[in-house]
Amino acid sequence: MKVIALVSMLALLPATTVAAAPFSSGDWEAARIGGTCLVYNNAAARDTSGSLQFSFDVKGYNAGFTYEYAPYTENEDAPWNDTDTVLISVDDEEIWLGEEMFPDGQANPNSLSMTSGFVKDMIAAVSNAQRSIDIAVEREDLGETWLYGLFSPAGFNESLARAAEMCNFDPAGLPEP
């Protein structure tokens, strides 16, 4: 009787509250949660941390790109300051897109976000990468550059294609922000 009641309750929930089964390819995954599709990596290289994450609403609206740092311990200080500069490298070549990423501030101190109008360019950069995508930060107050995340592009294109199917969008033709 309890099982029937649970199934009946689940049937009444709107379809958008149900998550689609994740898809995995190489070091990347795609998932749909409600009206948002995510494409994210599932592994950082040794001695680095965090995750690269693309997000898209249905039809590709509100596209976003973030790097989410995963601290090694709970007692770590903030990983960067608002005045620090983000550096992105693809296959060991620095690209200009780091100039379009900024710390999220106190609301999410372990996150760097890209200006939404440049997400298409970041998709193209990761799609064309052969070996690696690096996220580093020039720590202005320390006079040092810290590598936070080193990621493989293996499986990105397949995971992006699956997310595009799940949320009905064209990665090369995202709506303007």
N, C-alpha and C. Protein backbone atom coordinates (compact mmCIF):
# COMPACT_ATOMS: atom_id res chain seq x y z
N MET A 1 0.82 -1.18 0.00
CA MET A 1 0.00 0.00 0.00
C MET A 1 0.87 1.26 0.00
N LYS A 2 1.95 1.28 0.83
CA LYS A 2 2.82 2.45 0.88
C LYS A 2 3.53 2.65 -0.45
N VAL A 3 3.92 1.58 -1.13
CA VAL A 3 4.59 1.68 -2.42
C VAL A 3 3.67 2.31 -3.44
N ILE A 4 2.41 1.91 -3.46
CA ILE A 4 1.44 2.46 -4.41
C ILE A 4 1.24 3.95 -4.13
N ALA A 5 1.18 4.34 -2.87
CA ALA A 5 1.01 5.76 -2.52
C ALA A 5 2.23 6.56 -2.97
N LEU A 6 3.44 6.02 -2.80
CA LEU A 6 4.66 6.71 -3.22
C LEU A 6 4.69 6.86 -4.73
N VAL A 7 4.37 5.81 -5.46
CA VAL A 7 4.35 5.87 -6.92
C VAL A 7 3.31 6.89 -7.39
N SER A 8 2.16 6.92 -6.74
CA SER A 8 1.12 7.88 -7.10
C SER A 8 1.59 9.31 -6.86
N MET A 9 2.29 9.54 -5.75
CA MET A 9 2.79 10.89 -5.47
C MET A 9 3.84 11.30 -6.50
N LEU A 10 4.74 10.39 -6.86
CA LEU A 10 5.77 10.70 -7.85
C LEU A 10 5.15 11.01 -9.21
N ALA A 11 4.08 10.31 -9.54
CA ALA A 11 3.41 10.54 -10.83
C ALA A 11 2.81 11.93 -10.90
N LEU A 12 2.46 12.52 -9.76
CA LEU A 12 1.85 13.84 -9.74
C LEU A 12 2.87 14.97 -9.80
N LEU A 13 4.16 14.67 -9.57
CA LEU A 13 5.18 15.70 -9.63
C LEU A 13 5.36 16.18 -11.06
N PRO A 14 5.64 17.46 -11.26
CA PRO A 14 5.91 17.95 -12.62
C PRO A 14 7.14 17.26 -13.20
N ALA A 15 7.13 17.07 -14.49
CA ALA A 15 8.23 16.37 -15.16
C ALA A 15 9.55 17.11 -14.98
N THR A 16 9.52 18.42 -14.82
CA THR A 16 10.77 19.18 -14.70
C THR A 16 11.50 18.94 -13.38
N THR A 17 10.85 18.32 -12.41
CA THR A 17 11.55 18.08 -11.16
C THR A 17 12.32 16.77 -11.18
N VAL A 18 12.15 15.98 -12.21
CA VAL A 18 12.83 14.70 -12.31
C VAL A 18 14.13 14.89 -13.07
N ALA A 19 15.21 14.33 -12.58
CA ALA A 19 16.51 14.44 -13.24
C ALA A 19 16.68 13.33 -14.25
N ALA A 20 17.30 13.64 -15.39
CA ALA A 20 17.61 12.64 -16.40
C ALA A 20 18.85 11.88 -15.96
N ALA A 21 18.95 10.64 -16.37
CA ALA A 21 20.11 9.83 -16.03
C ALA A 21 21.36 10.47 -16.64
N PRO A 22 22.43 10.59 -15.87
CA PRO A 22 23.66 11.18 -16.40
C PRO A 22 24.24 10.34 -17.53
N PHE A 23 24.95 11.00 -18.42
CA PHE A 23 25.66 10.37 -19.53
C PHE A 23 27.15 10.60 -19.29
N SER A 24 27.98 9.59 -19.46
CA SER A 24 29.42 9.71 -19.27
C SER A 24 30.16 9.35 -20.55
N SER A 25 31.20 10.13 -20.81
CA SER A 25 32.11 9.82 -21.91
C SER A 25 33.48 10.36 -21.52
N GLY A 26 34.48 9.51 -21.49
CA GLY A 26 35.81 9.94 -21.10
C GLY A 26 35.80 10.56 -19.72
N ASP A 27 36.33 11.77 -19.62
CA ASP A 27 36.41 12.47 -18.34
C ASP A 27 35.28 13.48 -18.15
N TRP A 28 34.20 13.39 -18.97
CA TRP A 28 33.11 14.35 -18.91
C TRP A 28 31.78 13.65 -18.76
N GLU A 29 30.83 14.38 -18.20
CA GLU A 29 29.48 13.86 -18.03
C GLU A 29 28.48 14.93 -18.42
N ALA A 30 27.27 14.49 -18.73
CA ALA A 30 26.15 15.39 -19.01
C ALA A 30 24.96 14.90 -18.21
N ALA A 31 24.17 15.84 -17.73
CA ALA A 31 22.97 15.49 -16.97
C ALA A 31 21.95 16.61 -17.14
N ARG A 32 20.69 16.23 -17.03
CA ARG A 32 19.62 17.23 -17.01
C ARG A 32 18.96 17.16 -15.65
N ILE A 33 18.87 18.32 -15.01
CA ILE A 33 18.21 18.44 -13.72
C ILE A 33 17.16 19.53 -13.88
N GLY A 34 15.92 19.15 -13.87
CA GLY A 34 14.84 20.11 -14.12
C GLY A 34 14.98 20.69 -15.52
N GLY A 35 15.02 22.00 -15.64
CA GLY A 35 15.13 22.66 -16.92
C GLY A 35 16.54 23.05 -17.28
N THR A 36 17.53 22.49 -16.59
CA THR A 36 18.93 22.86 -16.82
C THR A 36 19.75 21.62 -17.18
N CYS A 37 20.58 21.76 -18.20
CA CYS A 37 21.52 20.70 -18.56
C CYS A 37 22.92 21.13 -18.14
N LEU A 38 23.66 20.17 -17.63
CA LEU A 38 25.03 20.40 -17.16
C LEU A 38 25.99 19.53 -17.94
N VAL A 39 27.14 20.08 -18.25
CA VAL A 39 28.25 19.32 -18.82
C VAL A 39 29.43 19.62 -17.91
N TYR A 40 30.00 18.60 -17.31
CA TYR A 40 31.04 18.82 -16.30
C TYR A 40 32.06 17.70 -16.37
N ASN A 41 33.29 18.04 -15.97
CA ASN A 41 34.32 16.99 -15.95
C ASN A 41 34.24 16.24 -14.63
N ASN A 42 34.66 14.99 -14.67
CA ASN A 42 34.56 14.16 -13.48
C ASN A 42 35.92 13.79 -12.90
N ALA A 43 36.99 14.41 -13.42
CA ALA A 43 38.32 14.08 -12.90
C ALA A 43 39.29 15.21 -13.20
N ALA A 44 40.00 15.64 -12.17
CA ALA A 44 41.10 16.60 -12.35
C ALA A 44 42.40 15.82 -12.29
N ALA A 45 43.43 16.36 -12.91
CA ALA A 45 44.74 15.71 -12.89
C ALA A 45 45.29 15.68 -11.47
N ARG A 46 46.24 14.79 -11.26
CA ARG A 46 46.88 14.66 -9.95
C ARG A 46 47.41 16.01 -9.48
N ASP A 47 47.29 16.26 -8.21
CA ASP A 47 47.76 17.48 -7.55
C ASP A 47 46.99 18.73 -7.96
N THR A 48 45.85 18.56 -8.64
CA THR A 48 44.96 19.69 -8.89
C THR A 48 43.58 19.29 -8.42
N SER A 49 42.66 20.24 -8.46
CA SER A 49 41.37 19.99 -7.85
C SER A 49 40.27 20.72 -8.60
N GLY A 50 39.04 20.36 -8.31
CA GLY A 50 37.91 21.11 -8.80
C GLY A 50 37.25 20.50 -10.02
N SER A 51 36.37 21.32 -10.63
CA SER A 51 35.57 20.85 -11.75
C SER A 51 35.26 22.00 -12.70
N LEU A 52 35.33 21.72 -13.99
CA LEU A 52 34.85 22.65 -15.01
C LEU A 52 33.39 22.31 -15.25
N GLN A 53 32.53 23.33 -15.33
CA GLN A 53 31.10 23.08 -15.48
C GLN A 53 30.47 24.06 -16.46
N PHE A 54 29.80 23.51 -17.45
CA PHE A 54 28.98 24.30 -18.37
C PHE A 54 27.53 24.05 -17.97
N SER A 55 26.69 25.09 -18.06
CA SER A 55 25.26 24.91 -17.78
C SER A 55 24.45 25.59 -18.87
N PHE A 56 23.30 24.99 -19.19
CA PHE A 56 22.43 25.50 -20.24
C PHE A 56 20.98 25.25 -19.83
N ASP A 57 20.16 26.26 -19.93
CA ASP A 57 18.73 26.05 -19.77
C ASP A 57 18.17 25.51 -21.08
N VAL A 58 16.93 25.08 -21.08
CA VAL A 58 16.29 24.56 -22.28
C VAL A 58 16.46 25.57 -23.41
N LYS A 59 16.73 25.06 -24.61
CA LYS A 59 16.98 25.85 -25.83
C LYS A 59 18.30 26.61 -25.76
N GLY A 60 19.14 26.32 -24.76
CA GLY A 60 20.46 26.93 -24.66
C GLY A 60 20.50 28.28 -23.98
N TYR A 61 19.38 28.72 -23.42
CA TYR A 61 19.36 30.01 -22.73
C TYR A 61 20.18 29.97 -21.45
N ASN A 62 20.64 31.14 -21.02
CA ASN A 62 21.39 31.29 -19.76
C ASN A 62 22.62 30.41 -19.69
N ALA A 63 23.35 30.28 -20.79
CA ALA A 63 24.56 29.46 -20.81
C ALA A 63 25.58 30.03 -19.83
N GLY A 64 26.25 29.14 -19.13
CA GLY A 64 27.26 29.56 -18.18
C GLY A 64 28.45 28.63 -18.18
N PHE A 65 29.59 29.14 -17.71
CA PHE A 65 30.79 28.33 -17.55
C PHE A 65 31.44 28.73 -16.24
N THR A 66 31.75 27.75 -15.40
CA THR A 66 32.40 28.01 -14.12
C THR A 66 33.51 27.00 -13.87
N TYR A 67 34.44 27.42 -13.05
CA TYR A 67 35.40 26.51 -12.44
C TYR A 67 35.06 26.50 -10.96
N GLU A 68 34.79 25.32 -10.44
CA GLU A 68 34.46 25.16 -9.02
C GLU A 68 35.66 24.50 -8.33
N TYR A 69 36.33 25.26 -7.49
CA TYR A 69 37.47 24.74 -6.75
C TYR A 69 36.99 23.87 -5.61
N ALA A 70 37.65 22.74 -5.42
CA ALA A 70 37.34 21.84 -4.30
C ALA A 70 38.53 21.85 -3.35
N PRO A 71 38.44 22.58 -2.25
CA PRO A 71 39.56 22.66 -1.30
C PRO A 71 39.94 21.28 -0.77
N TYR A 72 41.22 21.13 -0.49
CA TYR A 72 41.70 19.87 0.06
C TYR A 72 41.31 19.69 1.51
N THR A 73 41.18 20.81 2.24
CA THR A 73 40.75 20.74 3.63
C THR A 73 39.70 21.82 3.87
N GLU A 74 38.93 21.68 4.89
CA GLU A 74 37.92 22.68 5.23
C GLU A 74 38.53 23.94 5.83
N ASN A 75 39.77 23.88 6.23
CA ASN A 75 40.40 25.00 6.93
C ASN A 75 41.20 25.91 6.01
N GLU A 76 41.06 25.77 4.71
CA GLU A 76 41.82 26.59 3.78
C GLU A 76 41.28 28.01 3.73
N ASP A 77 42.19 28.94 3.51
CA ASP A 77 41.79 30.33 3.29
C ASP A 77 41.14 30.43 1.92
N ALA A 78 40.58 31.59 1.61
CA ALA A 78 40.00 31.82 0.29
C ALA A 78 41.07 31.55 -0.77
N PRO A 79 40.70 30.85 -1.84
CA PRO A 79 41.70 30.46 -2.83
C PRO A 79 42.22 31.62 -3.68
N TRP A 80 41.49 32.73 -3.74
CA TRP A 80 41.90 33.88 -4.53
C TRP A 80 41.19 35.13 -4.03
N ASN A 81 41.64 36.26 -4.51
CA ASN A 81 41.04 37.55 -4.15
C ASN A 81 40.33 38.13 -5.36
N ASP A 82 39.51 39.12 -5.14
CA ASP A 82 38.79 39.76 -6.24
C ASP A 82 39.73 40.44 -7.23
N THR A 83 40.94 40.77 -6.81
CA THR A 83 41.89 41.45 -7.69
C THR A 83 42.78 40.48 -8.47
N ASP A 84 42.69 39.18 -8.18
CA ASP A 84 43.51 38.20 -8.88
C ASP A 84 42.99 37.98 -10.31
N THR A 85 43.88 37.53 -11.18
CA THR A 85 43.57 37.36 -12.59
C THR A 85 43.52 35.87 -12.94
N VAL A 86 42.50 35.47 -13.70
CA VAL A 86 42.35 34.08 -14.12
C VAL A 86 43.12 33.87 -15.43
N LEU A 87 43.81 32.73 -15.50
CA LEU A 87 44.51 32.34 -16.72
C LEU A 87 43.95 31.00 -17.17
N ILE A 88 43.61 30.91 -18.45
CA ILE A 88 43.15 29.64 -19.03
C ILE A 88 44.13 29.26 -20.12
N SER A 89 44.58 28.03 -20.08
CA SER A 89 45.45 27.50 -21.12
C SER A 89 44.80 26.27 -21.74
N VAL A 90 44.95 26.15 -23.04
CA VAL A 90 44.49 24.97 -23.76
C VAL A 90 45.71 24.38 -24.46
N ASP A 91 45.98 23.14 -24.19
CA ASP A 91 47.16 22.46 -24.74
C ASP A 91 48.44 23.28 -24.49
N ASP A 92 48.58 23.77 -23.27
CA ASP A 92 49.75 24.53 -22.80
C ASP A 92 49.92 25.89 -23.46
N GLU A 93 48.89 26.39 -24.16
CA GLU A 93 48.92 27.73 -24.74
C GLU A 93 47.87 28.59 -24.05
N GLU A 94 48.31 29.70 -23.45
CA GLU A 94 47.35 30.58 -22.78
C GLU A 94 46.41 31.20 -23.82
N ILE A 95 45.11 31.23 -23.49
CA ILE A 95 44.12 31.84 -24.37
C ILE A 95 43.52 33.07 -23.68
N TRP A 96 42.94 33.95 -24.43
CA TRP A 96 42.43 35.22 -23.92
C TRP A 96 41.19 35.09 -23.05
N LEU A 97 40.52 33.95 -23.05
CA LEU A 97 39.26 33.80 -22.32
C LEU A 97 39.40 33.93 -20.80
N GLY A 98 40.60 33.79 -20.28
CA GLY A 98 40.81 34.00 -18.85
C GLY A 98 40.44 35.41 -18.43
N GLU A 99 40.56 36.36 -19.36
CA GLU A 99 40.21 37.76 -19.08
C GLU A 99 38.71 37.92 -18.85
N GLU A 100 37.94 36.90 -19.21
CA GLU A 100 36.48 36.96 -19.06
C GLU A 100 35.97 36.10 -17.91
N MET A 101 36.88 35.67 -17.02
CA MET A 101 36.48 34.91 -15.83
C MET A 101 36.82 35.71 -14.59
N PHE A 102 35.90 35.63 -13.61
CA PHE A 102 36.05 36.43 -12.40
C PHE A 102 35.61 35.62 -11.18
N PRO A 103 36.22 35.92 -10.01
CA PRO A 103 35.74 35.29 -8.77
C PRO A 103 34.29 35.67 -8.51
N ASP A 104 33.52 34.72 -7.98
CA ASP A 104 32.11 34.98 -7.66
C ASP A 104 31.94 35.77 -6.39
N GLY A 105 32.99 35.94 -5.62
CA GLY A 105 32.91 36.74 -4.39
C GLY A 105 32.44 35.94 -3.20
N GLN A 106 31.98 36.63 -2.18
CA GLN A 106 31.61 36.01 -0.91
C GLN A 106 30.47 35.00 -1.04
N ALA A 107 29.57 35.20 -1.99
CA ALA A 107 28.44 34.28 -2.14
C ALA A 107 28.90 32.87 -2.47
N ASN A 108 29.97 32.76 -3.25
CA ASN A 108 30.52 31.46 -3.62
C ASN A 108 32.03 31.62 -3.78
N PRO A 109 32.77 31.67 -2.67
CA PRO A 109 34.19 32.02 -2.71
C PRO A 109 35.10 31.03 -3.44
N ASN A 110 34.62 29.83 -3.73
CA ASN A 110 35.45 28.83 -4.41
C ASN A 110 35.08 28.68 -5.88
N SER A 111 34.45 29.71 -6.45
CA SER A 111 33.97 29.62 -7.82
C SER A 111 34.47 30.78 -8.66
N LEU A 112 34.85 30.47 -9.90
CA LEU A 112 35.19 31.46 -10.91
C LEU A 112 34.16 31.32 -12.03
N SER A 113 33.59 32.43 -12.49
CA SER A 113 32.56 32.38 -13.53
C SER A 113 32.97 33.21 -14.73
N MET A 114 32.55 32.74 -15.90
CA MET A 114 32.84 33.43 -17.15
C MET A 114 31.68 34.35 -17.51
N THR A 115 32.01 35.48 -18.11
CA THR A 115 31.01 36.37 -18.66
C THR A 115 30.19 35.56 -19.67
N SER A 116 28.86 35.59 -19.55
CA SER A 116 28.01 34.69 -20.33
C SER A 116 28.15 34.82 -21.83
N GLY A 117 28.48 35.98 -22.34
CA GLY A 117 28.61 36.16 -23.78
C GLY A 117 29.79 35.43 -24.39
N PHE A 118 30.66 34.87 -23.57
CA PHE A 118 31.86 34.20 -24.07
C PHE A 118 31.83 32.69 -23.90
N VAL A 119 30.71 32.16 -23.44
CA VAL A 119 30.60 30.71 -23.23
C VAL A 119 30.77 29.96 -24.54
N LYS A 120 30.22 30.48 -25.65
CA LYS A 120 30.40 29.83 -26.96
C LYS A 120 31.88 29.68 -27.30
N ASP A 121 32.66 30.72 -26.99
CA ASP A 121 34.09 30.67 -27.27
C ASP A 121 34.79 29.62 -26.41
N MET A 122 34.35 29.49 -25.15
CA MET A 122 34.95 28.48 -24.27
C MET A 122 34.59 27.08 -24.73
N ILE A 123 33.35 26.91 -25.20
CA ILE A 123 32.96 25.61 -25.76
C ILE A 123 33.88 25.24 -26.92
N ALA A 124 34.12 26.20 -27.82
CA ALA A 124 34.98 25.95 -28.97
C ALA A 124 36.40 25.60 -28.52
N ALA A 125 36.91 26.31 -27.51
CA ALA A 125 38.26 26.05 -27.02
C ALA A 125 38.39 24.64 -26.46
N VAL A 126 37.43 24.23 -25.63
CA VAL A 126 37.49 22.88 -25.05
C VAL A 126 37.26 21.82 -26.14
N SER A 127 36.35 22.09 -27.06
CA SER A 127 36.07 21.14 -28.16
C SER A 127 37.31 20.88 -29.01
N ASN A 128 38.12 21.91 -29.20
CA ASN A 128 39.31 21.78 -30.05
C ASN A 128 40.56 21.36 -29.29
N ALA A 129 40.49 21.28 -27.97
CA ALA A 129 41.66 20.89 -27.18
C ALA A 129 42.05 19.45 -27.49
N GLN A 130 43.33 19.20 -27.54
CA GLN A 130 43.85 17.86 -27.80
C GLN A 130 44.31 17.16 -26.53
N ARG A 131 44.91 17.93 -25.59
CA ARG A 131 45.51 17.32 -24.41
C ARG A 131 44.98 17.83 -23.08
N SER A 132 44.82 19.18 -22.96
CA SER A 132 44.51 19.68 -21.62
C SER A 132 43.86 21.05 -21.64
N ILE A 133 43.14 21.31 -20.55
CA ILE A 133 42.60 22.62 -20.24
C ILE A 133 43.08 22.93 -18.83
N ASP A 134 43.74 24.06 -18.64
CA ASP A 134 44.29 24.44 -17.34
C ASP A 134 43.59 25.69 -16.84
N ILE A 135 43.32 25.71 -15.55
CA ILE A 135 42.80 26.90 -14.88
C ILE A 135 43.84 27.31 -13.83
N ALA A 136 44.38 28.52 -13.99
CA ALA A 136 45.36 29.05 -13.04
C ALA A 136 44.92 30.45 -12.63
N VAL A 137 45.45 30.91 -11.52
CA VAL A 137 45.14 32.25 -11.03
C VAL A 137 46.44 32.95 -10.67
N GLU A 138 46.60 34.17 -11.20
CA GLU A 138 47.72 35.01 -10.80
C GLU A 138 47.36 35.63 -9.46
N ARG A 139 48.03 35.18 -8.42
CA ARG A 139 47.77 35.69 -7.06
C ARG A 139 48.55 36.99 -6.88
N GLU A 140 47.86 38.09 -7.14
CA GLU A 140 48.49 39.40 -7.16
C GLU A 140 49.25 39.73 -5.88
N ASP A 141 48.61 39.49 -4.72
CA ASP A 141 49.24 39.84 -3.46
C ASP A 141 50.45 38.96 -3.13
N LEU A 142 50.53 37.78 -3.74
CA LEU A 142 51.67 36.88 -3.48
C LEU A 142 52.72 36.94 -4.58
N GLY A 143 52.37 37.55 -5.72
CA GLY A 143 53.31 37.60 -6.84
C GLY A 143 53.56 36.23 -7.44
N GLU A 144 52.56 35.35 -7.37
CA GLU A 144 52.71 33.97 -7.86
C GLU A 144 51.53 33.59 -8.74
N THR A 145 51.75 32.59 -9.58
CA THR A 145 50.67 32.00 -10.36
C THR A 145 50.44 30.59 -9.84
N TRP A 146 49.20 30.31 -9.45
CA TRP A 146 48.85 29.00 -8.91
C TRP A 146 47.99 28.24 -9.91
N LEU A 147 48.42 27.02 -10.24
CA LEU A 147 47.61 26.14 -11.07
C LEU A 147 46.60 25.44 -10.16
N TYR A 148 45.32 25.65 -10.43
CA TYR A 148 44.27 25.04 -9.61
C TYR A 148 43.72 23.77 -10.23
N GLY A 149 43.53 23.77 -11.54
CA GLY A 149 42.93 22.60 -12.17
C GLY A 149 43.54 22.31 -13.52
N LEU A 150 43.80 21.05 -13.78
CA LEU A 150 44.31 20.56 -15.06
C LEU A 150 43.37 19.45 -15.49
N PHE A 151 42.74 19.61 -16.67
CA PHE A 151 41.67 18.72 -17.08
C PHE A 151 41.88 18.19 -18.49
N SER A 152 41.40 16.97 -18.72
CA SER A 152 41.46 16.35 -20.03
C SER A 152 40.19 16.71 -20.82
N PRO A 153 40.33 16.93 -22.13
CA PRO A 153 39.14 17.17 -22.95
C PRO A 153 38.46 15.88 -23.40
N ALA A 154 39.02 14.72 -23.07
CA ALA A 154 38.49 13.43 -23.56
C ALA A 154 37.03 13.25 -23.14
N GLY A 155 36.15 13.14 -24.12
CA GLY A 155 34.74 12.90 -23.87
C GLY A 155 33.89 14.16 -23.84
N PHE A 156 34.53 15.33 -23.93
CA PHE A 156 33.76 16.58 -23.85
C PHE A 156 32.74 16.70 -24.99
N ASN A 157 33.18 16.49 -26.21
CA ASN A 157 32.28 16.68 -27.35
C ASN A 157 31.08 15.75 -27.28
N GLU A 158 31.29 14.52 -26.87
CA GLU A 158 30.19 13.57 -26.75
C GLU A 158 29.21 13.98 -25.64
N SER A 159 29.75 14.43 -24.51
CA SER A 159 28.89 14.86 -23.40
C SER A 159 28.13 16.14 -23.76
N LEU A 160 28.78 17.05 -24.46
CA LEU A 160 28.10 18.27 -24.89
C LEU A 160 26.97 17.94 -25.87
N ALA A 161 27.22 17.02 -26.79
CA ALA A 161 26.18 16.62 -27.74
C ALA A 161 24.98 16.02 -27.02
N ARG A 162 25.23 15.21 -25.99
CA ARG A 162 24.13 14.61 -25.24
C ARG A 162 23.33 15.68 -24.48
N ALA A 163 24.04 16.64 -23.87
CA ALA A 163 23.34 17.73 -23.18
C ALA A 163 22.51 18.55 -24.17
N ALA A 164 23.03 18.76 -25.36
CA ALA A 164 22.30 19.50 -26.39
C ALA A 164 21.01 18.77 -26.76
N GLU A 165 21.06 17.45 -26.81
CA GLU A 165 19.85 16.66 -27.07
C GLU A 165 18.86 16.78 -25.92
N MET A 166 19.38 16.67 -24.68
CA MET A 166 18.52 16.70 -23.50
C MET A 166 17.79 18.04 -23.36
N CYS A 167 18.46 19.14 -23.70
CA CYS A 167 17.87 20.47 -23.50
C CYS A 167 17.56 21.19 -24.81
N ASN A 168 17.67 20.46 -25.93
CA ASN A 168 17.23 20.98 -27.22
C ASN A 168 17.90 22.31 -27.58
N PHE A 169 19.24 22.28 -27.72
CA PHE A 169 19.96 23.49 -28.13
C PHE A 169 21.11 23.13 -29.05
N ASP A 170 21.60 24.14 -29.75
CA ASP A 170 22.76 24.01 -30.64
C ASP A 170 23.94 24.69 -29.95
N PRO A 171 24.97 23.93 -29.55
CA PRO A 171 26.10 24.54 -28.84
C PRO A 171 26.80 25.64 -29.63
N ALA A 172 26.77 25.55 -30.96
CA ALA A 172 27.42 26.57 -31.79
C ALA A 172 26.52 27.77 -32.02
N GLY A 173 25.23 27.66 -31.70
CA GLY A 173 24.29 28.73 -31.94
C GLY A 173 23.50 29.08 -30.70
N LEU A 174 24.19 29.30 -29.59
CA LEU A 174 23.51 29.66 -28.35
C LEU A 174 22.85 31.03 -28.48
N PRO A 175 21.71 31.22 -27.82
CA PRO A 175 21.07 32.54 -27.83
C PRO A 175 22.00 33.58 -27.20
N GLU A 176 21.92 34.80 -27.68
CA GLU A 176 22.72 35.89 -27.10
C GLU A 176 22.21 36.19 -25.70
N PRO A 177 23.14 36.47 -24.76
CA PRO A 177 22.72 36.77 -23.38
C PRO A 177 21.97 38.09 -23.27
